[in-house]
Amino acid sequence: MNTFKYIIITAICLACISCKVNYSFTGITDTPESFQVNFFQNTADIIEPGLDQLFTNSLQDYILNQTSAGLVSSGGEVIYEGEIVEYRISPMTATADNTAAQNRLTISVNVRYINTKDEEKDFERRFSFYYDYPAADQLSGSIKATAFDEILERLTQDILNASLADW
C-alpha cells in the first residue's frame, strides 16, 4: 500500500512539473519577467510633500516582495503608471456638541496598467483607501506614519491583485 502511495505522489509531482503549474498563496499565477513602475505624480487638490515618491516606492517594493519579477527602469513586460488624484481629510463622526469626533484621511490613485504581452489585460482604474483617526489628534508624526502605512499597503495590494492575480 505504501508503494502505491509513493507512485501516486510521484506521478502528481511529475505532472505538475511537466505542465509548469504555478501555485501561489497570493493568487499570482502568471508572473512577468520584468515590471516597470513609472513615477506617480501627485495631482490632488491638496499636495502632501513626498507622498508621490513614497507611493511609487511602496508599489515597487510590494511587487518585488510578492513576485519573482525584476524591476526595470524601461522596457518592462508590465508597466504601472498613473497619478495620485485625491488626498482628502474629512470629518466622519460628530459629538453631541456638533464637532468632529473622528477624521478620515482618504488617498486615491489612478492607475494605468499595461501588459505588453497581452493587451486584453490592460486597464485604467482608480484605487482608493482611507484611515480613520481621532479628530482631537493632528495628522502628523506617528499617526501620519501609521495612516500612510495602512493606506499604501492596501492600495498596493489592490493594485497587484487587479493586475497580476487571478481573483
N, C-alpha and C. Protein backbone atom coordinates (compact mmCIF):
# COMPACT_ATOMS: atom_id res chain seq x y z
N MET A 1 0.82 -1.19 0.00
CA MET A 1 0.00 0.00 0.00
C MET A 1 0.86 1.26 0.00
N ASN A 2 1.97 1.24 0.77
CA ASN A 2 2.85 2.40 0.81
C ASN A 2 3.49 2.66 -0.55
N THR A 3 3.82 1.61 -1.28
CA THR A 3 4.42 1.76 -2.60
C THR A 3 3.43 2.45 -3.54
N PHE A 4 2.17 2.08 -3.47
CA PHE A 4 1.14 2.69 -4.31
C PHE A 4 1.03 4.19 -4.01
N LYS A 5 1.11 4.55 -2.74
CA LYS A 5 1.03 5.96 -2.32
C LYS A 5 2.20 6.76 -2.92
N TYR A 6 3.40 6.20 -2.88
CA TYR A 6 4.58 6.89 -3.42
C TYR A 6 4.50 7.03 -4.93
N ILE A 7 3.93 6.05 -5.60
CA ILE A 7 3.77 6.12 -7.05
C ILE A 7 2.80 7.24 -7.42
N ILE A 8 1.71 7.35 -6.69
CA ILE A 8 0.72 8.40 -6.95
C ILE A 8 1.33 9.78 -6.71
N ILE A 9 2.03 9.95 -5.59
CA ILE A 9 2.66 11.24 -5.26
C ILE A 9 3.69 11.60 -6.32
N THR A 10 4.50 10.65 -6.75
CA THR A 10 5.50 10.90 -7.79
C THR A 10 4.83 11.29 -9.10
N ALA A 11 3.75 10.63 -9.46
CA ALA A 11 3.04 10.95 -10.70
C ALA A 11 2.46 12.36 -10.66
N ILE A 12 1.90 12.75 -9.54
CA ILE A 12 1.33 14.10 -9.40
C ILE A 12 2.44 15.14 -9.51
N CYS A 13 3.56 14.89 -8.85
CA CYS A 13 4.68 15.84 -8.90
C CYS A 13 5.21 15.99 -10.32
N LEU A 14 5.37 14.88 -11.01
CA LEU A 14 5.86 14.94 -12.39
C LEU A 14 4.86 15.65 -13.30
N ALA A 15 3.58 15.43 -13.09
CA ALA A 15 2.57 16.11 -13.90
C ALA A 15 2.62 17.63 -13.67
N CYS A 16 2.77 18.01 -12.44
CA CYS A 16 2.84 19.45 -12.12
C CYS A 16 4.09 20.09 -12.71
N ILE A 17 5.21 19.40 -12.61
CA ILE A 17 6.46 19.94 -13.14
C ILE A 17 6.40 20.02 -14.66
N SER A 18 5.89 19.01 -15.30
CA SER A 18 5.86 19.00 -16.77
C SER A 18 4.87 20.00 -17.33
N CYS A 19 3.82 20.32 -16.59
CA CYS A 19 2.82 21.28 -17.06
C CYS A 19 3.13 22.70 -16.61
N LYS A 20 4.19 22.86 -15.84
CA LYS A 20 4.56 24.16 -15.30
C LYS A 20 3.41 24.83 -14.58
N VAL A 21 2.76 24.08 -13.72
CA VAL A 21 1.68 24.63 -12.93
C VAL A 21 2.29 25.49 -11.83
N ASN A 22 1.88 26.74 -11.78
CA ASN A 22 2.35 27.64 -10.73
C ASN A 22 1.23 27.82 -9.73
N TYR A 23 1.58 27.72 -8.47
CA TYR A 23 0.59 27.96 -7.44
C TYR A 23 1.17 28.96 -6.46
N SER A 24 0.34 29.87 -6.05
CA SER A 24 0.80 30.90 -5.14
C SER A 24 -0.30 31.24 -4.17
N PHE A 25 0.05 31.51 -2.91
CA PHE A 25 -0.94 31.93 -1.93
C PHE A 25 -1.47 33.32 -2.23
N THR A 26 -0.74 34.09 -3.03
CA THR A 26 -1.20 35.43 -3.39
C THR A 26 -2.15 35.39 -4.56
N GLY A 27 -2.26 34.27 -5.26
CA GLY A 27 -3.13 34.17 -6.41
C GLY A 27 -2.42 34.56 -7.70
N ILE A 28 -1.16 34.92 -7.62
CA ILE A 28 -0.41 35.32 -8.80
C ILE A 28 0.10 34.06 -9.48
N THR A 29 -0.43 33.79 -10.66
CA THR A 29 -0.07 32.55 -11.34
C THR A 29 0.77 32.79 -12.59
N ASP A 30 0.77 34.00 -13.10
CA ASP A 30 1.50 34.30 -14.32
C ASP A 30 2.40 35.51 -14.09
N THR A 31 3.50 35.28 -13.41
CA THR A 31 4.41 36.37 -13.06
C THR A 31 5.21 36.81 -14.27
N PRO A 32 5.22 38.10 -14.54
CA PRO A 32 6.05 38.59 -15.65
C PRO A 32 7.53 38.51 -15.28
N GLU A 33 8.39 38.54 -16.29
CA GLU A 33 9.82 38.52 -16.02
C GLU A 33 10.30 39.87 -15.49
N SER A 34 9.67 40.95 -15.96
CA SER A 34 10.08 42.28 -15.53
C SER A 34 8.88 43.19 -15.41
N PHE A 35 9.02 44.20 -14.56
CA PHE A 35 7.97 45.19 -14.42
C PHE A 35 8.59 46.57 -14.27
N GLN A 36 7.82 47.56 -14.61
CA GLN A 36 8.26 48.94 -14.56
C GLN A 36 7.20 49.75 -13.83
N VAL A 37 7.61 50.56 -12.87
CA VAL A 37 6.69 51.46 -12.17
C VAL A 37 7.16 52.88 -12.45
N ASN A 38 6.41 53.59 -13.26
CA ASN A 38 6.73 54.98 -13.54
C ASN A 38 6.31 55.84 -12.36
N PHE A 39 6.92 57.01 -12.24
CA PHE A 39 6.66 57.92 -11.13
C PHE A 39 5.20 58.35 -11.10
N PHE A 40 4.55 58.20 -9.95
CA PHE A 40 3.16 58.59 -9.76
C PHE A 40 3.14 60.03 -9.23
N GLN A 41 2.89 60.97 -10.11
CA GLN A 41 2.86 62.38 -9.74
C GLN A 41 1.61 62.68 -8.92
N ASN A 42 1.74 63.58 -7.96
CA ASN A 42 0.61 63.97 -7.13
C ASN A 42 -0.12 65.13 -7.79
N THR A 43 -1.33 64.87 -8.29
CA THR A 43 -2.14 65.91 -8.93
C THR A 43 -3.38 66.22 -8.11
N ALA A 44 -3.42 65.77 -6.86
CA ALA A 44 -4.57 66.02 -5.98
C ALA A 44 -4.67 67.50 -5.67
N ASP A 45 -5.85 67.92 -5.23
CA ASP A 45 -6.05 69.32 -4.85
C ASP A 45 -5.14 69.71 -3.69
N ILE A 46 -4.93 68.80 -2.75
CA ILE A 46 -4.02 69.03 -1.63
C ILE A 46 -2.76 68.20 -1.90
N ILE A 47 -1.63 68.86 -1.96
CA ILE A 47 -0.37 68.17 -2.23
C ILE A 47 0.33 67.88 -0.91
N GLU A 48 0.52 66.61 -0.63
CA GLU A 48 1.28 66.19 0.55
C GLU A 48 2.72 65.94 0.08
N PRO A 49 3.68 66.76 0.54
CA PRO A 49 5.06 66.60 0.09
C PRO A 49 5.60 65.19 0.34
N GLY A 50 6.21 64.62 -0.68
CA GLY A 50 6.84 63.31 -0.56
C GLY A 50 5.91 62.12 -0.76
N LEU A 51 4.60 62.36 -0.80
CA LEU A 51 3.67 61.24 -0.96
C LEU A 51 3.85 60.56 -2.31
N ASP A 52 4.14 61.33 -3.36
CA ASP A 52 4.34 60.76 -4.69
C ASP A 52 5.49 59.76 -4.70
N GLN A 53 6.62 60.13 -4.14
CA GLN A 53 7.78 59.24 -4.08
C GLN A 53 7.51 58.05 -3.17
N LEU A 54 6.86 58.30 -2.05
CA LEU A 54 6.54 57.23 -1.09
C LEU A 54 5.63 56.19 -1.74
N PHE A 55 4.60 56.64 -2.46
CA PHE A 55 3.70 55.69 -3.11
C PHE A 55 4.42 54.90 -4.20
N THR A 56 5.18 55.59 -5.04
CA THR A 56 5.90 54.93 -6.13
C THR A 56 6.82 53.85 -5.57
N ASN A 57 7.58 54.19 -4.54
CA ASN A 57 8.49 53.21 -3.92
C ASN A 57 7.74 52.06 -3.26
N SER A 58 6.60 52.36 -2.63
CA SER A 58 5.80 51.31 -1.98
C SER A 58 5.28 50.31 -3.00
N LEU A 59 4.83 50.79 -4.14
CA LEU A 59 4.33 49.89 -5.19
C LEU A 59 5.47 49.03 -5.74
N GLN A 60 6.62 49.63 -5.99
CA GLN A 60 7.78 48.86 -6.46
C GLN A 60 8.16 47.79 -5.45
N ASP A 61 8.27 48.17 -4.19
CA ASP A 61 8.68 47.23 -3.14
C ASP A 61 7.67 46.10 -2.98
N TYR A 62 6.39 46.42 -3.03
CA TYR A 62 5.37 45.39 -2.85
C TYR A 62 5.42 44.36 -3.98
N ILE A 63 5.56 44.83 -5.21
CA ILE A 63 5.63 43.90 -6.35
C ILE A 63 6.89 43.06 -6.26
N LEU A 64 8.01 43.69 -5.89
CA LEU A 64 9.26 42.92 -5.73
C LEU A 64 9.13 41.84 -4.67
N ASN A 65 8.45 42.15 -3.57
CA ASN A 65 8.32 41.19 -2.46
C ASN A 65 7.31 40.09 -2.74
N GLN A 66 6.33 40.34 -3.60
CA GLN A 66 5.27 39.37 -3.83
C GLN A 66 5.43 38.56 -5.11
N THR A 67 6.36 38.94 -5.97
CA THR A 67 6.56 38.22 -7.23
C THR A 67 8.05 37.95 -7.43
N SER A 68 8.34 37.20 -8.45
CA SER A 68 9.74 36.95 -8.82
C SER A 68 10.17 37.86 -9.96
N ALA A 69 9.33 38.81 -10.34
CA ALA A 69 9.64 39.73 -11.43
C ALA A 69 10.73 40.70 -11.01
N GLY A 70 11.51 41.11 -11.99
CA GLY A 70 12.58 42.07 -11.74
C GLY A 70 12.13 43.49 -12.09
N LEU A 71 12.56 44.44 -11.31
CA LEU A 71 12.24 45.84 -11.54
C LEU A 71 13.19 46.41 -12.59
N VAL A 72 12.64 47.06 -13.60
CA VAL A 72 13.44 47.72 -14.63
C VAL A 72 12.98 49.17 -14.76
N SER A 73 13.86 50.02 -15.26
CA SER A 73 13.50 51.43 -15.41
C SER A 73 12.83 51.72 -16.74
N SER A 74 12.99 50.82 -17.72
CA SER A 74 12.29 50.96 -19.00
C SER A 74 12.20 49.60 -19.67
N GLY A 75 11.21 49.47 -20.55
CA GLY A 75 11.05 48.22 -21.29
C GLY A 75 10.49 47.07 -20.48
N GLY A 76 9.73 47.35 -19.44
CA GLY A 76 9.15 46.30 -18.62
C GLY A 76 8.08 45.52 -19.35
N GLU A 77 7.96 44.24 -19.01
CA GLU A 77 6.91 43.41 -19.60
C GLU A 77 5.54 43.92 -19.18
N VAL A 78 5.43 44.39 -17.94
CA VAL A 78 4.22 45.06 -17.46
C VAL A 78 4.63 46.43 -16.93
N ILE A 79 3.75 47.41 -17.13
CA ILE A 79 4.06 48.79 -16.76
C ILE A 79 2.93 49.34 -15.91
N TYR A 80 3.30 49.99 -14.82
CA TYR A 80 2.35 50.67 -13.95
C TYR A 80 2.65 52.16 -14.04
N GLU A 81 1.63 52.94 -14.31
CA GLU A 81 1.79 54.38 -14.34
C GLU A 81 0.49 55.03 -13.91
N GLY A 82 0.55 56.29 -13.55
CA GLY A 82 -0.65 56.98 -13.13
C GLY A 82 -0.33 58.19 -12.29
N GLU A 83 -1.28 58.58 -11.46
CA GLU A 83 -1.13 59.75 -10.62
C GLU A 83 -1.97 59.61 -9.36
N ILE A 84 -1.52 60.32 -8.33
CA ILE A 84 -2.30 60.42 -7.10
C ILE A 84 -3.33 61.50 -7.36
N VAL A 85 -4.61 61.16 -7.27
CA VAL A 85 -5.68 62.09 -7.66
C VAL A 85 -6.48 62.63 -6.48
N GLU A 86 -6.28 62.05 -5.29
CA GLU A 86 -7.03 62.54 -4.14
C GLU A 86 -6.23 62.36 -2.86
N TYR A 87 -6.20 63.42 -2.08
CA TYR A 87 -5.66 63.42 -0.73
C TYR A 87 -6.61 64.32 0.04
N ARG A 88 -7.44 63.69 0.87
CA ARG A 88 -8.53 64.45 1.50
C ARG A 88 -8.68 64.04 2.95
N ILE A 89 -8.87 65.04 3.81
CA ILE A 89 -9.19 64.80 5.22
C ILE A 89 -10.60 65.33 5.43
N SER A 90 -11.47 64.46 5.96
CA SER A 90 -12.86 64.88 6.16
C SER A 90 -13.37 64.36 7.50
N PRO A 91 -14.26 65.13 8.15
CA PRO A 91 -14.84 64.67 9.42
C PRO A 91 -15.78 63.49 9.16
N MET A 92 -15.76 62.51 10.07
CA MET A 92 -16.57 61.31 9.86
C MET A 92 -17.71 61.17 10.87
N THR A 93 -17.44 61.40 12.13
CA THR A 93 -18.47 61.26 13.15
C THR A 93 -18.50 62.54 13.98
N ALA A 94 -19.66 62.83 14.52
CA ALA A 94 -19.82 64.06 15.30
C ALA A 94 -20.09 63.74 16.76
N THR A 95 -19.76 64.71 17.60
CA THR A 95 -20.06 64.59 19.03
C THR A 95 -21.39 65.28 19.30
N ALA A 96 -21.84 65.25 20.54
CA ALA A 96 -23.08 65.93 20.92
C ALA A 96 -22.97 67.44 20.74
N ASP A 97 -21.76 67.97 20.74
CA ASP A 97 -21.52 69.40 20.56
C ASP A 97 -21.42 69.79 19.09
N ASN A 98 -21.73 68.87 18.19
CA ASN A 98 -21.61 69.08 16.74
C ASN A 98 -20.19 69.42 16.30
N THR A 99 -19.22 68.79 16.93
CA THR A 99 -17.84 68.88 16.49
C THR A 99 -17.41 67.48 16.03
N ALA A 100 -16.37 67.43 15.24
CA ALA A 100 -15.90 66.15 14.73
C ALA A 100 -15.29 65.31 15.83
N ALA A 101 -15.65 64.05 15.88
CA ALA A 101 -15.06 63.11 16.83
C ALA A 101 -13.99 62.28 16.15
N GLN A 102 -14.14 62.15 14.84
CA GLN A 102 -13.21 61.31 14.09
C GLN A 102 -13.02 61.90 12.69
N ASN A 103 -11.78 61.87 12.21
CA ASN A 103 -11.47 62.33 10.86
C ASN A 103 -11.05 61.14 10.01
N ARG A 104 -11.18 61.30 8.72
CA ARG A 104 -10.78 60.26 7.77
C ARG A 104 -9.84 60.84 6.73
N LEU A 105 -8.67 60.22 6.60
CA LEU A 105 -7.75 60.55 5.52
C LEU A 105 -8.01 59.57 4.38
N THR A 106 -8.29 60.09 3.20
CA THR A 106 -8.52 59.25 2.02
C THR A 106 -7.47 59.58 0.97
N ILE A 107 -6.87 58.55 0.41
CA ILE A 107 -5.91 58.71 -0.69
C ILE A 107 -6.40 57.85 -1.84
N SER A 108 -6.45 58.45 -3.03
CA SER A 108 -6.87 57.74 -4.24
C SER A 108 -5.81 57.90 -5.32
N VAL A 109 -5.59 56.82 -6.06
CA VAL A 109 -4.65 56.86 -7.18
C VAL A 109 -5.34 56.34 -8.43
N ASN A 110 -5.01 56.95 -9.54
CA ASN A 110 -5.47 56.47 -10.84
C ASN A 110 -4.31 55.67 -11.44
N VAL A 111 -4.57 54.41 -11.79
CA VAL A 111 -3.51 53.52 -12.27
C VAL A 111 -3.82 53.08 -13.69
N ARG A 112 -2.80 53.18 -14.53
CA ARG A 112 -2.86 52.60 -15.88
C ARG A 112 -1.90 51.41 -15.88
N TYR A 113 -2.45 50.24 -16.13
CA TYR A 113 -1.66 49.01 -16.16
C TYR A 113 -1.54 48.58 -17.61
N ILE A 114 -0.31 48.37 -18.06
CA ILE A 114 -0.06 47.98 -19.45
C ILE A 114 0.69 46.66 -19.43
N ASN A 115 0.11 45.65 -20.08
CA ASN A 115 0.73 44.34 -20.21
C ASN A 115 1.18 44.22 -21.67
N THR A 116 2.46 44.28 -21.91
CA THR A 116 2.98 44.29 -23.29
C THR A 116 2.82 42.94 -23.99
N LYS A 117 2.56 41.89 -23.23
CA LYS A 117 2.39 40.55 -23.81
C LYS A 117 0.93 40.22 -24.11
N ASP A 118 0.00 40.89 -23.42
CA ASP A 118 -1.43 40.60 -23.58
C ASP A 118 -2.24 41.88 -23.35
N GLU A 119 -2.56 42.59 -24.43
CA GLU A 119 -3.26 43.87 -24.34
C GLU A 119 -4.64 43.76 -23.72
N GLU A 120 -5.25 42.58 -23.75
CA GLU A 120 -6.58 42.40 -23.17
C GLU A 120 -6.56 42.57 -21.64
N LYS A 121 -5.39 42.46 -21.03
CA LYS A 121 -5.28 42.62 -19.58
C LYS A 121 -5.03 44.06 -19.16
N ASP A 122 -4.82 44.95 -20.12
CA ASP A 122 -4.59 46.37 -19.81
C ASP A 122 -5.83 46.97 -19.15
N PHE A 123 -5.61 47.93 -18.24
CA PHE A 123 -6.75 48.64 -17.67
C PHE A 123 -6.30 50.01 -17.15
N GLU A 124 -7.28 50.87 -16.97
CA GLU A 124 -7.10 52.12 -16.25
C GLU A 124 -8.18 52.15 -15.19
N ARG A 125 -7.76 52.33 -13.93
CA ARG A 125 -8.71 52.20 -12.84
C ARG A 125 -8.28 53.05 -11.65
N ARG A 126 -9.25 53.50 -10.89
CA ARG A 126 -8.99 54.28 -9.68
C ARG A 126 -9.03 53.36 -8.47
N PHE A 127 -8.04 53.50 -7.59
CA PHE A 127 -7.95 52.75 -6.35
C PHE A 127 -7.95 53.75 -5.20
N SER A 128 -8.66 53.41 -4.14
CA SER A 128 -8.80 54.34 -3.03
C SER A 128 -8.85 53.57 -1.72
N PHE A 129 -8.28 54.18 -0.68
CA PHE A 129 -8.40 53.62 0.66
C PHE A 129 -8.28 54.75 1.67
N TYR A 130 -8.66 54.46 2.92
CA TYR A 130 -8.74 55.51 3.94
C TYR A 130 -8.20 55.02 5.28
N TYR A 131 -8.02 56.00 6.18
CA TYR A 131 -7.59 55.72 7.55
C TYR A 131 -8.34 56.68 8.45
N ASP A 132 -9.01 56.16 9.48
CA ASP A 132 -9.74 56.98 10.45
C ASP A 132 -8.87 57.21 11.68
N TYR A 133 -8.93 58.44 12.21
CA TYR A 133 -8.18 58.77 13.41
C TYR A 133 -8.97 59.79 14.23
N PRO A 134 -8.70 59.89 15.55
CA PRO A 134 -9.46 60.81 16.40
C PRO A 134 -9.27 62.27 15.95
N ALA A 135 -10.35 63.01 15.94
CA ALA A 135 -10.31 64.40 15.48
C ALA A 135 -9.47 65.27 16.41
N ALA A 136 -9.32 64.87 17.66
CA ALA A 136 -8.51 65.65 18.60
C ALA A 136 -7.02 65.54 18.27
N ASP A 137 -6.63 64.54 17.49
CA ASP A 137 -5.23 64.35 17.12
C ASP A 137 -4.91 65.06 15.80
N GLN A 138 -3.68 65.51 15.68
CA GLN A 138 -3.21 66.09 14.43
C GLN A 138 -2.67 64.98 13.54
N LEU A 139 -2.84 65.13 12.25
CA LEU A 139 -2.29 64.14 11.31
C LEU A 139 -0.81 64.46 11.11
N SER A 140 -0.01 64.01 12.05
CA SER A 140 1.43 64.23 11.98
C SER A 140 2.12 63.14 12.80
N GLY A 141 3.41 63.07 12.67
CA GLY A 141 4.20 62.12 13.45
C GLY A 141 3.79 60.68 13.26
N SER A 142 3.62 59.97 14.37
CA SER A 142 3.31 58.54 14.31
C SER A 142 1.92 58.27 13.75
N ILE A 143 0.98 59.17 13.97
CA ILE A 143 -0.37 58.97 13.42
C ILE A 143 -0.32 59.04 11.90
N LYS A 144 0.40 60.00 11.37
CA LYS A 144 0.54 60.13 9.92
C LYS A 144 1.29 58.93 9.33
N ALA A 145 2.35 58.49 9.99
CA ALA A 145 3.12 57.34 9.52
C ALA A 145 2.25 56.08 9.50
N THR A 146 1.47 55.87 10.55
CA THR A 146 0.57 54.71 10.61
C THR A 146 -0.49 54.80 9.52
N ALA A 147 -1.05 55.99 9.33
CA ALA A 147 -2.07 56.18 8.29
C ALA A 147 -1.49 55.86 6.92
N PHE A 148 -0.32 56.41 6.61
CA PHE A 148 0.31 56.15 5.31
C PHE A 148 0.63 54.67 5.14
N ASP A 149 1.16 54.05 6.18
CA ASP A 149 1.50 52.62 6.09
C ASP A 149 0.26 51.79 5.75
N GLU A 150 -0.83 52.01 6.46
CA GLU A 150 -2.04 51.22 6.23
C GLU A 150 -2.65 51.50 4.86
N ILE A 151 -2.73 52.76 4.49
CA ILE A 151 -3.33 53.11 3.20
C ILE A 151 -2.49 52.59 2.05
N LEU A 152 -1.18 52.81 2.10
CA LEU A 152 -0.32 52.38 0.98
C LEU A 152 -0.25 50.86 0.88
N GLU A 153 -0.28 50.17 2.02
CA GLU A 153 -0.28 48.70 1.98
C GLU A 153 -1.53 48.20 1.26
N ARG A 154 -2.67 48.75 1.60
CA ARG A 154 -3.92 48.32 0.99
C ARG A 154 -3.99 48.69 -0.49
N LEU A 155 -3.56 49.90 -0.83
CA LEU A 155 -3.57 50.32 -2.24
C LEU A 155 -2.68 49.42 -3.09
N THR A 156 -1.46 49.14 -2.61
CA THR A 156 -0.55 48.31 -3.40
C THR A 156 -1.07 46.88 -3.52
N GLN A 157 -1.67 46.35 -2.46
CA GLN A 157 -2.28 45.01 -2.55
C GLN A 157 -3.38 44.99 -3.60
N ASP A 158 -4.26 45.97 -3.55
CA ASP A 158 -5.38 46.03 -4.50
C ASP A 158 -4.88 46.16 -5.94
N ILE A 159 -3.86 46.96 -6.15
CA ILE A 159 -3.31 47.15 -7.50
C ILE A 159 -2.68 45.85 -8.00
N LEU A 160 -1.91 45.20 -7.16
CA LEU A 160 -1.29 43.93 -7.57
C LEU A 160 -2.34 42.87 -7.85
N ASN A 161 -3.35 42.77 -6.99
CA ASN A 161 -4.42 41.79 -7.21
C ASN A 161 -5.17 42.06 -8.50
N ALA A 162 -5.44 43.31 -8.81
CA ALA A 162 -6.16 43.66 -10.04
C ALA A 162 -5.33 43.39 -11.28
N SER A 163 -4.03 43.51 -11.17
CA SER A 163 -3.18 43.38 -12.36
C SER A 163 -2.62 41.99 -12.59
N LEU A 164 -2.17 41.33 -11.56
CA LEU A 164 -1.47 40.04 -11.76
C LEU A 164 -2.15 38.83 -11.14
N ALA A 165 -3.06 39.02 -10.22
CA ALA A 165 -3.69 37.87 -9.56
C ALA A 165 -4.96 37.46 -10.30
N ASP A 166 -5.23 36.19 -10.28
CA ASP A 166 -6.43 35.66 -10.92
C ASP A 166 -7.55 35.53 -9.88
N TRP A 167 -8.01 36.65 -9.35
CA TRP A 167 -9.04 36.65 -8.32
C TRP A 167 -10.39 36.80 -8.95
